[in-house]
């Protein structure tokens, strides 16, 4: 039996990547990875994504310095999502917040 696994990509060739603080367990952000981003993340020890809006590879922290240092990487049971436990080197969100999940949501705030 082979230990190789086949990533199950969406119709755009991507899979969601949940980034979690390795020390606190806080969910820091959600990004998307293509197979190349997964490989670069595993090889470099820093998190890489595929930017859907810019249609290019994105090294988290390349411009801000707020890199994500990889501690562990897991694939889910269906091989269609990745969990990266990482150590953040500064705020993770582009807004300057520590993580991207800082806006509470309630039914009265939903449109439609």
C-alpha atoms as a PDB file:
ATOM      1  CA  UNK A   1       0.000   0.000   0.000  1.00  0.00           C
ATOM      2  CA  UNK A   2       1.328   3.427  -0.957  1.00  0.00           C
ATOM      3  CA  UNK A   3       1.612   6.294   1.515  1.00  0.00           C
ATOM      4  CA  UNK A   4       1.152   8.813  -1.319  1.00  0.00           C
ATOM      5  CA  UNK A   5      -2.048  10.803  -1.222  1.00  0.00           C
ATOM      6  CA  UNK A   6      -3.923  12.601  -3.927  1.00  0.00           C
ATOM      7  CA  UNK A   7      -5.150  16.065  -3.008  1.00  0.00           C
ATOM      8  CA  UNK A   8      -8.783  16.633  -3.958  1.00  0.00           C
ATOM      9  CA  UNK A   9      -8.816  20.100  -5.487  1.00  0.00           C
ATOM     10  CA  UNK A  10     -11.868  22.229  -6.232  1.00  0.00           C
ATOM     11  CA  UNK A  11     -12.842  23.202  -9.796  1.00  0.00           C
ATOM     12  CA  UNK A  12     -10.245  26.009  -9.676  1.00  0.00           C
ATOM     13  CA  UNK A  13      -7.426  23.654  -8.655  1.00  0.00           C
ATOM     14  CA  UNK A  14      -7.378  24.879  -5.051  1.00  0.00           C
ATOM     15  CA  UNK A  15      -8.049  23.661  -1.541  1.00  0.00           C
ATOM     16  CA  UNK A  16      -8.898  25.691   1.549  1.00  0.00           C
ATOM     17  CA  UNK A  17      -6.111  26.126   4.074  1.00  0.00           C
ATOM     18  CA  UNK A  18      -7.026  26.930   7.664  1.00  0.00           C
ATOM     19  CA  UNK A  19      -4.182  28.594   9.543  1.00  0.00           C
ATOM     20  CA  UNK A  20      -4.169  28.073  13.301  1.00  0.00           C
ATOM     21  CA  UNK A  21      -1.839  29.500  15.951  1.00  0.00           C
ATOM     22  CA  UNK A  22       0.300  26.533  17.031  1.00  0.00           C
ATOM     23  CA  UNK A  23       0.535  27.795  20.624  1.00  0.00           C
ATOM     24  CA  UNK A  24      -2.963  29.122  21.387  1.00  0.00           C
ATOM     25  CA  UNK A  25      -5.151  27.198  18.948  1.00  0.00           C
ATOM     26  CA  UNK A  26      -6.706  30.439  17.671  1.00  0.00           C
ATOM     27  CA  UNK A  27      -7.814  30.284  14.035  1.00  0.00           C
ATOM     28  CA  UNK A  28      -5.798  33.010  12.349  1.00  0.00           C
ATOM     29  CA  UNK A  29      -7.005  33.002   8.769  1.00  0.00           C
ATOM     30  CA  UNK A  30      -8.342  31.032   5.835  1.00  0.00           C
ATOM     31  CA  UNK A  31      -6.517  31.008   2.543  1.00  0.00           C
ATOM     32  CA  UNK A  32      -6.337  28.804  -0.525  1.00  0.00           C
ATOM     33  CA  UNK A  33      -3.498  26.638  -1.746  1.00  0.00           C
ATOM     34  CA  UNK A  34      -2.776  24.989  -5.034  1.00  0.00           C
ATOM     35  CA  UNK A  35      -0.397  22.000  -5.123  1.00  0.00           C
ATOM     36  CA  UNK A  36       2.593  24.305  -5.641  1.00  0.00           C
ATOM     37  CA  UNK A  37       1.687  26.353  -2.530  1.00  0.00           C
ATOM     38  CA  UNK A  38       1.418  23.146  -0.506  1.00  0.00           C
ATOM     39  CA  UNK A  39       4.868  22.036  -1.723  1.00  0.00           C
ATOM     40  CA  UNK A  40       6.456  25.428  -1.031  1.00  0.00           C
ATOM     41  CA  UNK A  41       4.899  25.505   2.444  1.00  0.00           C
ATOM     42  CA  UNK A  42       6.241  22.050   3.292  1.00  0.00           C
ATOM     43  CA  UNK A  43       9.707  22.729   1.821  1.00  0.00           C
ATOM     44  CA  UNK A  44      10.267  26.276   3.093  1.00  0.00           C
ATOM     45  CA  UNK A  45       8.713  26.041   6.554  1.00  0.00           C
ATOM     46  CA  UNK A  46       6.740  29.222   5.861  1.00  0.00           C
ATOM     47  CA  UNK A  47       3.168  29.504   4.602  1.00  0.00           C
ATOM     48  CA  UNK A  48       2.445  30.020   0.917  1.00  0.00           C
ATOM     49  CA  UNK A  49      -0.968  30.532  -0.681  1.00  0.00           C
ATOM     50  CA  UNK A  50      -2.418  30.926  -4.121  1.00  0.00           C
ATOM     51  CA  UNK A  51      -4.121  34.314  -4.423  1.00  0.00           C
ATOM     52  CA  UNK A  52      -7.469  33.900  -6.152  1.00  0.00           C
ATOM     53  CA  UNK A  53      -7.793  37.646  -6.779  1.00  0.00           C
ATOM     54  CA  UNK A  54      -4.278  38.148  -8.172  1.00  0.00           C
ATOM     55  CA  UNK A  55      -4.032  34.668  -9.714  1.00  0.00           C
ATOM     56  CA  UNK A  56      -0.491  34.162  -8.419  1.00  0.00           C
ATOM     57  CA  UNK A  57       1.542  32.542  -5.671  1.00  0.00           C
ATOM     58  CA  UNK A  58       1.629  34.501  -2.417  1.00  0.00           C
ATOM     59  CA  UNK A  59       4.256  34.122   0.319  1.00  0.00           C
ATOM     60  CA  UNK A  60       2.525  35.276   3.508  1.00  0.00           C
ATOM     61  CA  UNK A  61       4.528  38.133   5.002  1.00  0.00           C
ATOM     62  CA  UNK A  62       6.711  38.773   1.949  1.00  0.00           C
ATOM     63  CA  UNK A  63       5.835  42.483   1.987  1.00  0.00           C
ATOM     64  CA  UNK A  64       4.686  43.025   5.597  1.00  0.00           C
ATOM     65  CA  UNK A  65       7.249  40.832   7.342  1.00  0.00           C
ATOM     66  CA  UNK A  66       4.383  39.157   9.228  1.00  0.00           C
ATOM     67  CA  UNK A  67       5.305  35.653   8.151  1.00  0.00           C
ATOM     68  CA  UNK A  68       3.759  32.412   9.352  1.00  0.00           C
ATOM     69  CA  UNK A  69       6.319  29.847  10.511  1.00  0.00           C
ATOM     70  CA  UNK A  70       5.048  26.313   9.950  1.00  0.00           C
ATOM     71  CA  UNK A  71       4.998  23.970  12.943  1.00  0.00           C
ATOM     72  CA  UNK A  72       2.714  21.186  11.644  1.00  0.00           C
ATOM     73  CA  UNK A  73       0.608  20.515   8.549  1.00  0.00           C
ATOM     74  CA  UNK A  74      -2.390  18.196   8.375  1.00  0.00           C
ATOM     75  CA  UNK A  75      -4.709  17.125   5.564  1.00  0.00           C
ATOM     76  CA  UNK A  76      -8.325  16.387   6.434  1.00  0.00           C
ATOM     77  CA  UNK A  77      -9.936  12.959   6.128  1.00  0.00           C
ATOM     78  CA  UNK A  78     -11.212  13.674   2.585  1.00  0.00           C
ATOM     79  CA  UNK A  79      -7.890  15.110   1.324  1.00  0.00           C
ATOM     80  CA  UNK A  80      -9.679  18.336   0.350  1.00  0.00           C
ATOM     81  CA  UNK A  81      -8.588  20.820   3.053  1.00  0.00           C
ATOM     82  CA  UNK A  82      -5.347  21.638   4.845  1.00  0.00           C
ATOM     83  CA  UNK A  83      -4.745  22.713   8.432  1.00  0.00           C
ATOM     84  CA  UNK A  84      -1.486  24.526   9.084  1.00  0.00           C
ATOM     85  CA  UNK A  85      -0.426  25.092  12.670  1.00  0.00           C
ATOM     86  CA  UNK A  86       1.954  28.025  12.576  1.00  0.00           C
ATOM     87  CA  UNK A  87       3.711  30.635  14.671  1.00  0.00           C
ATOM     88  CA  UNK A  88       2.727  34.133  13.534  1.00  0.00           C
ATOM     89  CA  UNK A  89       5.500  36.721  13.266  1.00  0.00           C
ATOM     90  CA  UNK A  90       3.193  39.680  13.869  1.00  0.00           C
ATOM     91  CA  UNK A  91      -0.424  40.504  13.016  1.00  0.00           C
ATOM     92  CA  UNK A  92      -1.884  38.077  10.493  1.00  0.00           C
ATOM     93  CA  UNK A  93      -4.709  40.175   9.038  1.00  0.00           C
ATOM     94  CA  UNK A  94      -3.995  42.836   6.420  1.00  0.00           C
ATOM     95  CA  UNK A  95      -6.015  45.247   8.623  1.00  0.00           C
ATOM     96  CA  UNK A  96      -3.410  44.954  11.378  1.00  0.00           C
ATOM     97  CA  UNK A  97      -5.580  42.713  13.571  1.00  0.00           C
ATOM     98  CA  UNK A  98      -3.968  39.673  15.189  1.00  0.00           C
ATOM     99  CA  UNK A  99      -6.215  37.365  13.143  1.00  0.00           C
ATOM    100  CA  UNK A 100      -8.792  37.682  10.370  1.00  0.00           C
ATOM    101  CA  UNK A 101     -11.760  36.600  12.522  1.00  0.00           C
ATOM    102  CA  UNK A 102     -12.440  39.681  14.654  1.00  0.00           C
ATOM    103  CA  UNK A 103     -15.868  40.798  13.359  1.00  0.00           C
ATOM    104  CA  UNK A 104     -18.812  39.289  15.288  1.00  0.00           C
ATOM    105  CA  UNK A 105     -21.727  38.148  13.138  1.00  0.00           C
ATOM    106  CA  UNK A 106     -25.368  38.076  14.183  1.00  0.00           C
ATOM    107  CA  UNK A 107     -28.650  37.552  12.317  1.00  0.00           C
ATOM    108  CA  UNK A 108     -29.606  41.223  12.545  1.00  0.00           C
ATOM    109  CA  UNK A 109     -26.426  42.140  10.612  1.00  0.00           C
ATOM    110  CA  UNK A 110     -27.137  39.852   7.665  1.00  0.00           C
ATOM    111  CA  UNK A 111     -28.523  41.443   4.521  1.00  0.00           C
ATOM    112  CA  UNK A 112     -31.382  39.867   2.640  1.00  0.00           C
END
